PDB file of N, CA and C in Angstrom:
ATOM      1  N   UNK A   1       0.923 -27.240 -51.873  1.00  0.00           N
ATOM      2  CA  UNK A   1       0.924 -25.806 -51.885  1.00  0.00           C
ATOM      3  C   UNK A   1       2.368 -25.328 -51.807  1.00  0.00           C
ATOM      4  N   UNK A   2       2.731 -24.520 -52.732  1.00  0.00           N
ATOM      5  CA  UNK A   2       4.079 -23.972 -52.768  1.00  0.00           C
ATOM      6  C   UNK A   2       4.098 -22.607 -52.117  1.00  0.00           C
ATOM      7  N   UNK A   3       5.033 -22.422 -51.181  1.00  0.00           N
ATOM      8  CA  UNK A   3       5.175 -21.131 -50.508  1.00  0.00           C
ATOM      9  C   UNK A   3       6.317 -20.381 -51.168  1.00  0.00           C
ATOM     10  N   UNK A   4       6.216 -19.062 -51.185  1.00  0.00           N
ATOM     11  CA  UNK A   4       7.317 -18.296 -51.759  1.00  0.00           C
ATOM     12  C   UNK A   4       8.612 -18.545 -50.998  1.00  0.00           C
ATOM     13  N   UNK A   5       9.732 -18.316 -51.637  1.00  0.00           N
ATOM     14  CA  UNK A   5      11.049 -18.597 -51.072  1.00  0.00           C
ATOM     15  C   UNK A   5      11.321 -17.725 -49.855  1.00  0.00           C
ATOM     16  N   UNK A   6      10.858 -16.493 -49.818  1.00  0.00           N
ATOM     17  CA  UNK A   6      11.158 -15.555 -48.735  1.00  0.00           C
ATOM     18  C   UNK A   6      10.231 -15.712 -47.526  1.00  0.00           C
ATOM     19  N   UNK A   7       9.323 -16.646 -47.509  1.00  0.00           N
ATOM     20  CA  UNK A   7       8.343 -16.777 -46.432  1.00  0.00           C
ATOM     21  C   UNK A   7       8.993 -17.215 -45.118  1.00  0.00           C
ATOM     22  N   UNK A   8       9.900 -18.162 -45.158  1.00  0.00           N
ATOM     23  CA  UNK A   8      10.520 -18.675 -43.930  1.00  0.00           C
ATOM     24  C   UNK A   8      11.255 -17.580 -43.157  1.00  0.00           C
ATOM     25  N   UNK A   9      12.086 -16.726 -43.782  1.00  0.00           N
ATOM     26  CA  UNK A   9      12.728 -15.657 -43.014  1.00  0.00           C
ATOM     27  C   UNK A   9      11.725 -14.646 -42.450  1.00  0.00           C
ATOM     28  N   UNK A  10      10.628 -14.404 -43.148  1.00  0.00           N
ATOM     29  CA  UNK A  10       9.608 -13.478 -42.642  1.00  0.00           C
ATOM     30  C   UNK A  10       8.954 -14.030 -41.384  1.00  0.00           C
ATOM     31  N   UNK A  11       8.638 -15.322 -41.407  1.00  0.00           N
ATOM     32  CA  UNK A  11       8.009 -15.946 -40.241  1.00  0.00           C
ATOM     33  C   UNK A  11       8.981 -15.947 -39.063  1.00  0.00           C
ATOM     34  N   UNK A  12      10.231 -16.274 -39.312  1.00  0.00           N
ATOM     35  CA  UNK A  12      11.233 -16.251 -38.254  1.00  0.00           C
ATOM     36  C   UNK A  12      11.406 -14.830 -37.706  1.00  0.00           C
ATOM     37  N   UNK A  13      11.445 -13.853 -38.562  1.00  0.00           N
ATOM     38  CA  UNK A  13      11.581 -12.453 -38.129  1.00  0.00           C
ATOM     39  C   UNK A  13      10.391 -11.996 -37.311  1.00  0.00           C
ATOM     40  N   UNK A  14       9.186 -12.421 -37.713  1.00  0.00           N
ATOM     41  CA  UNK A  14       7.986 -12.057 -36.956  1.00  0.00           C
ATOM     42  C   UNK A  14       8.009 -12.697 -35.569  1.00  0.00           C
ATOM     43  N   UNK A  15       8.441 -13.949 -35.497  1.00  0.00           N
ATOM     44  CA  UNK A  15       8.524 -14.643 -34.207  1.00  0.00           C
ATOM     45  C   UNK A  15       9.560 -13.989 -33.300  1.00  0.00           C
ATOM     46  N   UNK A  16      10.746 -13.725 -33.810  1.00  0.00           N
ATOM     47  CA  UNK A  16      11.793 -13.075 -33.020  1.00  0.00           C
ATOM     48  C   UNK A  16      11.340 -11.673 -32.592  1.00  0.00           C
ATOM     49  N   UNK A  17      10.675 -10.946 -33.471  1.00  0.00           N
ATOM     50  CA  UNK A  17      10.171  -9.616 -33.123  1.00  0.00           C
ATOM     51  C   UNK A  17       9.113  -9.664 -32.032  1.00  0.00           C
ATOM     52  N   UNK A  18       8.230 -10.675 -32.085  1.00  0.00           N
ATOM     53  CA  UNK A  18       7.198 -10.809 -31.052  1.00  0.00           C
ATOM     54  C   UNK A  18       7.826 -11.130 -29.701  1.00  0.00           C
ATOM     55  N   UNK A  19       8.816 -12.021 -29.689  1.00  0.00           N
ATOM     56  CA  UNK A  19       9.498 -12.366 -28.435  1.00  0.00           C
ATOM     57  C   UNK A  19      10.237 -11.147 -27.886  1.00  0.00           C
ATOM     58  N   UNK A  20      10.915 -10.411 -28.763  1.00  0.00           N
ATOM     59  CA  UNK A  20      11.626  -9.207 -28.325  1.00  0.00           C
ATOM     60  C   UNK A  20      10.653  -8.168 -27.780  1.00  0.00           C
ATOM     61  N   UNK A  21       9.496  -8.004 -28.419  1.00  0.00           N
ATOM     62  CA  UNK A  21       8.498  -7.043 -27.942  1.00  0.00           C
ATOM     63  C   UNK A  21       7.970  -7.439 -26.562  1.00  0.00           C
ATOM     64  N   UNK A  22       7.782  -8.741 -26.327  1.00  0.00           N
ATOM     65  CA  UNK A  22       7.316  -9.185 -25.016  1.00  0.00           C
ATOM     66  C   UNK A  22       8.378  -8.952 -23.944  1.00  0.00           C
ATOM     67  N   UNK A  23       9.632  -9.236 -24.270  1.00  0.00           N
ATOM     68  CA  UNK A  23      10.704  -9.025 -23.297  1.00  0.00           C
ATOM     69  C   UNK A  23      10.807  -7.552 -22.927  1.00  0.00           C
ATOM     70  N   UNK A  24      10.796  -6.698 -23.926  1.00  0.00           N
ATOM     71  CA  UNK A  24      10.885  -5.254 -23.669  1.00  0.00           C
ATOM     72  C   UNK A  24       9.632  -4.763 -22.943  1.00  0.00           C
ATOM     73  N   UNK A  25       8.475  -5.241 -23.333  1.00  0.00           N
ATOM     74  CA  UNK A  25       7.218  -4.799 -22.715  1.00  0.00           C
ATOM     75  C   UNK A  25       7.113  -5.162 -21.248  1.00  0.00           C
ATOM     76  N   UNK A  26       7.455  -6.414 -20.911  1.00  0.00           N
ATOM     77  CA  UNK A  26       7.347  -6.846 -19.524  1.00  0.00           C
ATOM     78  C   UNK A  26       8.499  -6.323 -18.670  1.00  0.00           C
ATOM     79  N   UNK A  27       9.668  -6.122 -19.270  1.00  0.00           N
ATOM     80  CA  UNK A  27      10.816  -5.648 -18.494  1.00  0.00           C
ATOM     81  C   UNK A  27      10.784  -4.144 -18.266  1.00  0.00           C
ATOM     82  N   UNK A  28      10.597  -3.381 -19.334  1.00  0.00           N
ATOM     83  CA  UNK A  28      10.702  -1.929 -19.228  1.00  0.00           C
ATOM     84  C   UNK A  28       9.426  -1.199 -19.611  1.00  0.00           C
ATOM     85  N   UNK A  29       8.498  -1.874 -20.243  1.00  0.00           N
ATOM     86  CA  UNK A  29       7.302  -1.206 -20.764  1.00  0.00           C
ATOM     87  C   UNK A  29       6.170  -1.066 -19.779  1.00  0.00           C
ATOM     88  N   UNK A  30       6.281  -1.709 -18.610  1.00  0.00           N
ATOM     89  CA  UNK A  30       5.221  -1.585 -17.619  1.00  0.00           C
ATOM     90  C   UNK A  30       4.100  -2.592 -17.787  1.00  0.00           C
ATOM     91  N   UNK A  31       4.241  -3.550 -18.662  1.00  0.00           N
ATOM     92  CA  UNK A  31       3.226  -4.581 -18.804  1.00  0.00           C
ATOM     93  C   UNK A  31       3.240  -5.475 -17.584  1.00  0.00           C
ATOM     94  N   UNK A  32       2.073  -5.915 -17.137  1.00  0.00           N
ATOM     95  CA  UNK A  32       1.976  -6.833 -16.008  1.00  0.00           C
ATOM     96  C   UNK A  32       0.948  -7.905 -16.329  1.00  0.00           C
ATOM     97  N   UNK A  33       1.039  -9.007 -15.616  1.00  0.00           N
ATOM     98  CA  UNK A  33       0.059 -10.077 -15.785  1.00  0.00           C
ATOM     99  C   UNK A  33      -1.191  -9.747 -14.975  1.00  0.00           C
ATOM    100  N   UNK A  34      -2.213 -10.521 -15.156  1.00  0.00           N
ATOM    101  CA  UNK A  34      -3.454 -10.297 -14.419  1.00  0.00           C
ATOM    102  C   UNK A  34      -3.288 -10.458 -12.918  1.00  0.00           C
ATOM    103  N   UNK A  35      -2.488 -11.436 -12.501  1.00  0.00           N
ATOM    104  CA  UNK A  35      -2.254 -11.659 -11.066  1.00  0.00           C
ATOM    105  C   UNK A  35      -1.526 -10.493 -10.423  1.00  0.00           C
ATOM    106  N   UNK A  36      -0.513  -9.982 -11.106  1.00  0.00           N
ATOM    107  CA  UNK A  36       0.232  -8.833 -10.581  1.00  0.00           C
ATOM    108  C   UNK A  36      -0.671  -7.618 -10.504  1.00  0.00           C
ATOM    109  N   UNK A  37      -1.508  -7.442 -11.499  1.00  0.00           N
ATOM    110  CA  UNK A  37      -2.439  -6.308 -11.508  1.00  0.00           C
ATOM    111  C   UNK A  37      -3.412  -6.392 -10.334  1.00  0.00           C
ATOM    112  N   UNK A  38      -3.905  -7.574 -10.057  1.00  0.00           N
ATOM    113  CA  UNK A  38      -4.823  -7.762  -8.929  1.00  0.00           C
ATOM    114  C   UNK A  38      -4.142  -7.444  -7.603  1.00  0.00           C
ATOM    115  N   UNK A  39      -2.902  -7.923  -7.441  1.00  0.00           N
ATOM    116  CA  UNK A  39      -2.163  -7.644  -6.208  1.00  0.00           C
ATOM    117  C   UNK A  39      -1.903  -6.151  -6.041  1.00  0.00           C
ATOM    118  N   UNK A  40      -1.522  -5.479  -7.128  1.00  0.00           N
ATOM    119  CA  UNK A  40      -1.240  -4.054  -7.051  1.00  0.00           C
ATOM    120  C   UNK A  40      -2.495  -3.253  -6.726  1.00  0.00           C
ATOM    121  N   UNK A  41      -3.628  -3.636  -7.286  1.00  0.00           N
ATOM    122  CA  UNK A  41      -4.861  -2.897  -6.999  1.00  0.00           C
ATOM    123  C   UNK A  41      -5.325  -3.137  -5.563  1.00  0.00           C
ATOM    124  N   UNK A  42      -5.130  -4.339  -5.044  1.00  0.00           N
ATOM    125  CA  UNK A  42      -5.499  -4.612  -3.651  1.00  0.00           C
ATOM    126  C   UNK A  42      -4.609  -3.824  -2.699  1.00  0.00           C
ATOM    127  N   UNK A  43      -3.332  -3.737  -3.002  1.00  0.00           N
ATOM    128  CA  UNK A  43      -2.411  -2.959  -2.175  1.00  0.00           C
ATOM    129  C   UNK A  43      -2.768  -1.485  -2.204  1.00  0.00           C
ATOM    130  N   UNK A  44      -3.093  -0.971  -3.383  1.00  0.00           N
ATOM    131  CA  UNK A  44      -3.466   0.439  -3.509  1.00  0.00           C
ATOM    132  C   UNK A  44      -4.758   0.739  -2.755  1.00  0.00           C
ATOM    133  N   UNK A  45      -5.710  -0.177  -2.806  1.00  0.00           N
ATOM    134  CA  UNK A  45      -6.970   0.023  -2.082  1.00  0.00           C
ATOM    135  C   UNK A  45      -6.740   0.029  -0.575  1.00  0.00           C
ATOM    136  N   UNK A  46      -5.896  -0.881  -0.098  1.00  0.00           N
ATOM    137  CA  UNK A  46      -5.596  -0.925   1.342  1.00  0.00           C
ATOM    138  C   UNK A  46      -4.870   0.344   1.784  1.00  0.00           C
ATOM    139  N   UNK A  47      -3.913   0.788   0.989  1.00  0.00           N
ATOM    140  CA  UNK A  47      -3.176   2.013   1.319  1.00  0.00           C
ATOM    141  C   UNK A  47      -4.106   3.225   1.352  1.00  0.00           C
ATOM    142  N   UNK A  48      -5.063   3.277   0.434  1.00  0.00           N
ATOM    143  CA  UNK A  48      -6.016   4.387   0.423  1.00  0.00           C
ATOM    144  C   UNK A  48      -6.924   4.337   1.646  1.00  0.00           C
ATOM    145  N   UNK A  49      -7.303   3.153   2.053  1.00  0.00           N
ATOM    146  CA  UNK A  49      -8.135   3.002   3.248  1.00  0.00           C
ATOM    147  C   UNK A  49      -7.380   3.462   4.493  1.00  0.00           C
ATOM    148  N   UNK A  50      -6.124   3.066   4.599  1.00  0.00           N
ATOM    149  CA  UNK A  50      -5.300   3.484   5.744  1.00  0.00           C
ATOM    150  C   UNK A  50      -5.138   4.996   5.749  1.00  0.00           C
ATOM    151  N   UNK A  51      -4.895   5.575   4.582  1.00  0.00           N
ATOM    152  CA  UNK A  51      -4.726   7.029   4.493  1.00  0.00           C
ATOM    153  C   UNK A  51      -6.011   7.767   4.866  1.00  0.00           C
ATOM    154  N   UNK A  52      -7.155   7.173   4.608  1.00  0.00           N
ATOM    155  CA  UNK A  52      -8.421   7.812   4.948  1.00  0.00           C
ATOM    156  C   UNK A  52      -8.786   7.643   6.422  1.00  0.00           C
ATOM    157  N   UNK A  53      -8.420   6.513   7.018  1.00  0.00           N
ATOM    158  CA  UNK A  53      -8.817   6.241   8.399  1.00  0.00           C
ATOM    159  C   UNK A  53      -7.842   6.765   9.441  1.00  0.00           C
ATOM    160  N   UNK A  54      -6.584   6.940   9.087  1.00  0.00           N
ATOM    161  CA  UNK A  54      -5.593   7.411  10.070  1.00  0.00           C
ATOM    162  C   UNK A  54      -5.943   8.789  10.641  1.00  0.00           C
ATOM    163  N   UNK A  55      -6.373   9.767   9.837  1.00  0.00           N
ATOM    164  CA  UNK A  55      -6.744  11.058  10.425  1.00  0.00           C
ATOM    165  C   UNK A  55      -7.933  10.969  11.393  1.00  0.00           C
ATOM    166  N   UNK A  56      -8.829  10.028  11.165  1.00  0.00           N
ATOM    167  CA  UNK A  56      -9.953   9.840  12.087  1.00  0.00           C
ATOM    168  C   UNK A  56      -9.424   9.352  13.431  1.00  0.00           C
ATOM    169  N   UNK A  57      -8.488   8.414  13.387  1.00  0.00           N
ATOM    170  CA  UNK A  57      -7.860   7.914  14.608  1.00  0.00           C
ATOM    171  C   UNK A  57      -7.146   9.045  15.345  1.00  0.00           C
ATOM    172  N   UNK A  58      -6.444   9.895  14.609  1.00  0.00           N
ATOM    173  CA  UNK A  58      -5.721  11.012  15.213  1.00  0.00           C
ATOM    174  C   UNK A  58      -6.694  11.960  15.906  1.00  0.00           C
ATOM    175  N   UNK A  59      -7.790  12.289  15.246  1.00  0.00           N
ATOM    176  CA  UNK A  59      -8.785  13.180  15.851  1.00  0.00           C
ATOM    177  C   UNK A  59      -9.386  12.574  17.111  1.00  0.00           C
ATOM    178  N   UNK A  60      -9.681  11.289  17.074  1.00  0.00           N
ATOM    179  CA  UNK A  60     -10.240  10.630  18.245  1.00  0.00           C
ATOM    180  C   UNK A  60      -9.226  10.593  19.390  1.00  0.00           C
ATOM    181  N   UNK A  61      -7.965  10.376  19.074  1.00  0.00           N
ATOM    182  CA  UNK A  61      -6.913  10.339  20.098  1.00  0.00           C
ATOM    183  C   UNK A  61      -6.747  11.707  20.736  1.00  0.00           C
ATOM    184  N   UNK A  62      -6.738  12.749  19.919  1.00  0.00           N
ATOM    185  CA  UNK A  62      -6.545  14.111  20.442  1.00  0.00           C
ATOM    186  C   UNK A  62      -7.776  14.641  21.165  1.00  0.00           C
ATOM    187  N   UNK A  63      -8.924  14.029  20.974  1.00  0.00           N
ATOM    188  CA  UNK A  63     -10.155  14.500  21.609  1.00  0.00           C
ATOM    189  C   UNK A  63     -10.339  13.948  23.020  1.00  0.00           C
ATOM    190  N   UNK A  64      -9.516  13.016  23.427  1.00  0.00           N
ATOM    191  CA  UNK A  64      -9.655  12.456  24.775  1.00  0.00           C
ATOM    192  C   UNK A  64      -9.262  13.491  25.826  1.00  0.00           C
ATOM    193  N   UNK A  65      -9.714  13.292  27.017  1.00  0.00           N
ATOM    194  CA  UNK A  65      -9.510  14.262  28.083  1.00  0.00           C
ATOM    195  C   UNK A  65      -8.051  14.511  28.442  1.00  0.00           C
ATOM    196  N   UNK A  66      -7.261  13.482  28.542  1.00  0.00           N
ATOM    197  CA  UNK A  66      -5.861  13.639  28.914  1.00  0.00           C
ATOM    198  C   UNK A  66      -4.947  13.430  27.699  1.00  0.00           C
ATOM    199  N   UNK A  67      -5.281  14.083  26.614  1.00  0.00           N
ATOM    200  CA  UNK A  67      -4.548  13.902  25.352  1.00  0.00           C
ATOM    201  C   UNK A  67      -3.093  14.327  25.473  1.00  0.00           C
ATOM    202  N   UNK A  68      -2.827  15.407  26.191  1.00  0.00           N
ATOM    203  CA  UNK A  68      -1.447  15.883  26.308  1.00  0.00           C
ATOM    204  C   UNK A  68      -0.570  14.853  27.017  1.00  0.00           C
ATOM    205  N   UNK A  69      -1.084  14.254  28.078  1.00  0.00           N
ATOM    206  CA  UNK A  69      -0.325  13.234  28.810  1.00  0.00           C
ATOM    207  C   UNK A  69      -0.124  11.987  27.950  1.00  0.00           C
ATOM    208  N   UNK A  70      -1.157  11.611  27.222  1.00  0.00           N
ATOM    209  CA  UNK A  70      -1.053  10.431  26.363  1.00  0.00           C
ATOM    210  C   UNK A  70      -0.090  10.676  25.203  1.00  0.00           C
ATOM    211  N   UNK A  71      -0.075  11.907  24.665  1.00  0.00           N
ATOM    212  CA  UNK A  71       0.876  12.233  23.594  1.00  0.00           C
ATOM    213  C   UNK A  71       2.312  12.199  24.117  1.00  0.00           C
ATOM    214  N   UNK A  72       2.517  12.674  25.324  1.00  0.00           N
ATOM    215  CA  UNK A  72       3.849  12.626  25.925  1.00  0.00           C
ATOM    216  C   UNK A  72       4.280  11.179  26.154  1.00  0.00           C
ATOM    217  N   UNK A  73       3.363  10.369  26.598  1.00  0.00           N
ATOM    218  CA  UNK A  73       3.652   8.949  26.800  1.00  0.00           C
ATOM    219  C   UNK A  73       3.975   8.264  25.470  1.00  0.00           C
ATOM    220  N   UNK A  74       3.230   8.638  24.440  1.00  0.00           N
ATOM    221  CA  UNK A  74       3.461   8.086  23.098  1.00  0.00           C
ATOM    222  C   UNK A  74       4.821   8.522  22.558  1.00  0.00           C
ATOM    223  N   UNK A  75       5.198   9.759  22.825  1.00  0.00           N
ATOM    224  CA  UNK A  75       6.481  10.272  22.347  1.00  0.00           C
ATOM    225  C   UNK A  75       7.651   9.574  23.037  1.00  0.00           C
ATOM    226  N   UNK A  76       7.466   9.170  24.294  1.00  0.00           N
ATOM    227  CA  UNK A  76       8.526   8.495  25.034  1.00  0.00           C
ATOM    228  C   UNK A  76       8.715   7.054  24.568  1.00  0.00           C
ATOM    229  N   UNK A  77       7.677   6.467  24.024  1.00  0.00           N
ATOM    230  CA  UNK A  77       7.733   5.062  23.601  1.00  0.00           C
ATOM    231  C   UNK A  77       8.620   4.919  22.372  1.00  0.00           C
ATOM    232  N   UNK A  78       9.131   3.726  22.182  1.00  0.00           N
ATOM    233  CA  UNK A  78       9.956   3.474  21.002  1.00  0.00           C
ATOM    234  C   UNK A  78       9.087   3.494  19.750  1.00  0.00           C
ATOM    235  N   UNK A  79       9.725   3.700  18.643  1.00  0.00           N
ATOM    236  CA  UNK A  79       9.010   3.774  17.367  1.00  0.00           C
ATOM    237  C   UNK A  79       8.231   2.485  17.109  1.00  0.00           C
ATOM    238  N   UNK A  80       8.779   1.364  17.520  1.00  0.00           N
ATOM    239  CA  UNK A  80       8.142   0.077  17.275  1.00  0.00           C
ATOM    240  C   UNK A  80       6.906  -0.126  18.141  1.00  0.00           C
ATOM    241  N   UNK A  81       6.867   0.483  19.306  1.00  0.00           N
ATOM    242  CA  UNK A  81       5.758   0.272  20.239  1.00  0.00           C
ATOM    243  C   UNK A  81       4.609   1.256  20.057  1.00  0.00           C
ATOM    244  N   UNK A  82       4.813   2.325  19.335  1.00  0.00           N
ATOM    245  CA  UNK A  82       3.775   3.353  19.216  1.00  0.00           C
ATOM    246  C   UNK A  82       2.504   2.826  18.568  1.00  0.00           C
ATOM    247  N   UNK A  83       2.648   2.077  17.489  1.00  0.00           N
ATOM    248  CA  UNK A  83       1.464   1.515  16.824  1.00  0.00           C
ATOM    249  C   UNK A  83       0.688   0.602  17.744  1.00  0.00           C
ATOM    250  N   UNK A  84       1.401  -0.189  18.518  1.00  0.00           N
ATOM    251  CA  UNK A  84       0.757  -1.095  19.468  1.00  0.00           C
ATOM    252  C   UNK A  84       0.033  -0.318  20.561  1.00  0.00           C
ATOM    253  N   UNK A  85       0.636   0.785  21.008  1.00  0.00           N
ATOM    254  CA  UNK A  85      -0.014   1.608  22.031  1.00  0.00           C
ATOM    255  C   UNK A  85      -1.319   2.200  21.516  1.00  0.00           C
ATOM    256  N   UNK A  86      -1.300   2.712  20.298  1.00  0.00           N
ATOM    257  CA  UNK A  86      -2.523   3.289  19.723  1.00  0.00           C
ATOM    258  C   UNK A  86      -3.560   2.195  19.505  1.00  0.00           C
ATOM    259  N   UNK A  87      -3.105   1.041  19.064  1.00  0.00           N
ATOM    260  CA  UNK A  87      -4.022  -0.075  18.828  1.00  0.00           C
ATOM    261  C   UNK A  87      -4.693  -0.516  20.129  1.00  0.00           C
ATOM    262  N   UNK A  88      -3.916  -0.602  21.211  1.00  0.00           N
ATOM    263  CA  UNK A  88      -4.467  -1.019  22.507  1.00  0.00           C
ATOM    264  C   UNK A  88      -5.374   0.050  23.108  1.00  0.00           C
ATOM    265  N   UNK A  89      -5.156   1.319  22.754  1.00  0.00           N
ATOM    266  CA  UNK A  89      -5.999   2.388  23.298  1.00  0.00           C
ATOM    267  C   UNK A  89      -7.418   2.332  22.757  1.00  0.00           C
ATOM    268  N   UNK A  90      -7.604   1.690  21.606  1.00  0.00           N
ATOM    269  CA  UNK A  90      -8.935   1.564  21.034  1.00  0.00           C
ATOM    270  C   UNK A  90      -9.292   2.643  20.035  1.00  0.00           C
ATOM    271  N   UNK A  91      -8.430   3.608  19.836  1.00  0.00           N
ATOM    272  CA  UNK A  91      -8.744   4.698  18.907  1.00  0.00           C
ATOM    273  C   UNK A  91      -8.574   4.283  17.450  1.00  0.00           C
ATOM    274  N   UNK A  92      -7.879   3.198  17.197  1.00  0.00           N
ATOM    275  CA  UNK A  92      -7.727   2.698  15.835  1.00  0.00           C
ATOM    276  C   UNK A  92      -8.896   1.796  15.435  1.00  0.00           C
ATOM    277  N   UNK A  93      -9.780   1.508  16.369  1.00  0.00           N
ATOM    278  CA  UNK A  93     -10.967   0.711  16.074  1.00  0.00           C
ATOM    279  C   UNK A  93     -12.027   1.635  15.482  1.00  0.00           C
ATOM    280  N   UNK A  94     -12.356   1.408  14.241  1.00  0.00           N
ATOM    281  CA  UNK A  94     -13.312   2.269  13.553  1.00  0.00           C
ATOM    282  C   UNK A  94     -14.742   1.828  13.862  1.00  0.00           C
ATOM    283  N   UNK A  95     -15.676   2.769  13.868  1.00  0.00           N
ATOM    284  CA  UNK A  95     -17.078   2.421  14.136  1.00  0.00           C
ATOM    285  C   UNK A  95     -17.576   1.368  13.148  1.00  0.00           C
ATOM    286  N   UNK A  96     -18.235   0.363  13.666  1.00  0.00           N
ATOM    287  CA  UNK A  96     -18.757  -0.712  12.836  1.00  0.00           C
ATOM    288  C   UNK A  96     -17.772  -1.850  12.617  1.00  0.00           C
ATOM    289  N   UNK A  97     -16.562  -1.689  13.082  1.00  0.00           N
ATOM    290  CA  UNK A  97     -15.546  -2.721  12.917  1.00  0.00           C
ATOM    291  C   UNK A  97     -15.356  -3.464  14.231  1.00  0.00           C
ATOM    292  N   UNK A  98     -15.032  -4.735  14.141  1.00  0.00           N
ATOM    293  CA  UNK A  98     -14.836  -5.530  15.352  1.00  0.00           C
ATOM    294  C   UNK A  98     -13.366  -5.664  15.718  1.00  0.00           C
ATOM    295  N   UNK A  99     -12.485  -5.405  14.759  1.00  0.00           N
ATOM    296  CA  UNK A  99     -11.052  -5.522  15.017  1.00  0.00           C
ATOM    297  C   UNK A  99     -10.343  -4.256  14.554  1.00  0.00           C
ATOM    298  N   UNK A 100      -9.192  -4.027  15.135  1.00  0.00           N
ATOM    299  CA  UNK A 100      -8.403  -2.873  14.716  1.00  0.00           C
ATOM    300  C   UNK A 100      -7.483  -3.275  13.574  1.00  0.00           C
ATOM    301  N   UNK A 101      -7.184  -2.309  12.742  1.00  0.00           N
ATOM    302  CA  UNK A 101      -6.249  -2.515  11.649  1.00  0.00           C
ATOM    303  C   UNK A 101      -4.887  -2.030  12.122  1.00  0.00           C
ATOM    304  N   UNK A 102      -3.925  -2.911  12.133  1.00  0.00           N
ATOM    305  CA  UNK A 102      -2.589  -2.579  12.611  1.00  0.00           C
ATOM    306  C   UNK A 102      -1.965  -1.461  11.785  1.00  0.00           C
ATOM    307  N   UNK A 103      -2.211  -1.473  10.493  1.00  0.00           N
ATOM    308  CA  UNK A 103      -1.640  -0.435   9.628  1.00  0.00           C
ATOM    309  C   UNK A 103      -2.235   0.941   9.943  1.00  0.00           C
ATOM    310  N   UNK A 104      -3.528   0.985  10.255  1.00  0.00           N
ATOM    311  CA  UNK A 104      -4.159   2.249  10.641  1.00  0.00           C
ATOM    312  C   UNK A 104      -3.558   2.744  11.953  1.00  0.00           C
ATOM    313  N   UNK A 105      -3.340   1.835  12.899  1.00  0.00           N
ATOM    314  CA  UNK A 105      -2.760   2.218  14.190  1.00  0.00           C
ATOM    315  C   UNK A 105      -1.339   2.749  14.011  1.00  0.00           C
ATOM    316  N   UNK A 106      -0.563   2.117  13.146  1.00  0.00           N
ATOM    317  CA  UNK A 106       0.807   2.586  12.902  1.00  0.00           C
ATOM    318  C   UNK A 106       0.812   3.956  12.233  1.00  0.00           C
ATOM    319  N   UNK A 107      -0.066   4.138  11.242  1.00  0.00           N
ATOM    320  CA  UNK A 107      -0.139   5.438  10.568  1.00  0.00           C
ATOM    321  C   UNK A 107      -0.613   6.514  11.522  1.00  0.00           C
ATOM    322  N   UNK A 108      -1.555   6.176  12.381  1.00  0.00           N
ATOM    323  CA  UNK A 108      -2.051   7.131  13.386  1.00  0.00           C
ATOM    324  C   UNK A 108      -0.927   7.516  14.334  1.00  0.00           C
ATOM    325  N   UNK A 109      -0.177   6.543  14.816  1.00  0.00           N
ATOM    326  CA  UNK A 109       0.936   6.821  15.738  1.00  0.00           C
ATOM    327  C   UNK A 109       2.000   7.667  15.055  1.00  0.00           C
ATOM    328  N   UNK A 110       2.243   7.412  13.782  1.00  0.00           N
ATOM    329  CA  UNK A 110       3.223   8.200  13.057  1.00  0.00           C
ATOM    330  C   UNK A 110       2.800   9.664  12.931  1.00  0.00           C
ATOM    331  N   UNK A 111       1.525   9.875  12.661  1.00  0.00           N
ATOM    332  CA  UNK A 111       1.012  11.249  12.566  1.00  0.00           C
ATOM    333  C   UNK A 111       1.077  11.920  13.925  1.00  0.00           C
ATOM    334  N   UNK A 112       0.689  11.206  14.965  1.00  0.00           N
ATOM    335  CA  UNK A 112       0.708  11.783  16.314  1.00  0.00           C
ATOM    336  C   UNK A 112       2.130  12.098  16.776  1.00  0.00           C
ATOM    337  N   UNK A 113       3.090  11.289  16.412  1.00  0.00           N
ATOM    338  CA  UNK A 113       4.461  11.495  16.838  1.00  0.00           C
ATOM    339  C   UNK A 113       5.167  12.605  16.071  1.00  0.00           C
ATOM    340  N   UNK A 114       4.640  12.940  14.900  1.00  0.00           N
ATOM    341  CA  UNK A 114       5.235  14.006  14.104  1.00  0.00           C
ATOM    342  C   UNK A 114       4.792  15.357  14.672  1.00  0.00           C
ATOM    343  N   UNK A 115       5.733  16.225  15.037  1.00  0.00           N
ATOM    344  CA  UNK A 115       5.346  17.509  15.602  1.00  0.00           C
ATOM    345  C   UNK A 115       4.635  18.378  14.559  1.00  0.00           C
ATOM    346  N   UNK A 116       3.669  19.141  15.032  1.00  0.00           N
ATOM    347  CA  UNK A 116       2.933  20.040  14.136  1.00  0.00           C
ATOM    348  C   UNK A 116       3.838  21.157  13.681  1.00  0.00           C
ATOM    349  N   UNK A 117       3.687  21.521  12.426  1.00  0.00           N
ATOM    350  CA  UNK A 117       4.523  22.613  11.881  1.00  0.00           C
ATOM    351  C   UNK A 117       3.914  23.958  12.206  1.00  0.00           C
TER     352      UNK A 117
END
């Protein structure tokens, strides 16, 4: 089988173009592999869960009898210890859950430590 004379440069050009398209696509085009996509979706789901549960923790914390004293105690604590304090208080434990989520406790402490506008 005889191939036309110009076939080899066309095939080389198509190959170089495909490689260039992949480099541009993965570098700047926003293309991702399946594994990266799975990791990003799991992170987004966890972040959404934390964003939904933190206000519940805040409401439960503020509903306690000595909330003002506990808020003052929380404000005096270092930034690093606030999440641990909320976690130990039990308000970050959601109904039906057996363990507290550290990220929910940290987000709750951050909301509580931020003064109301």
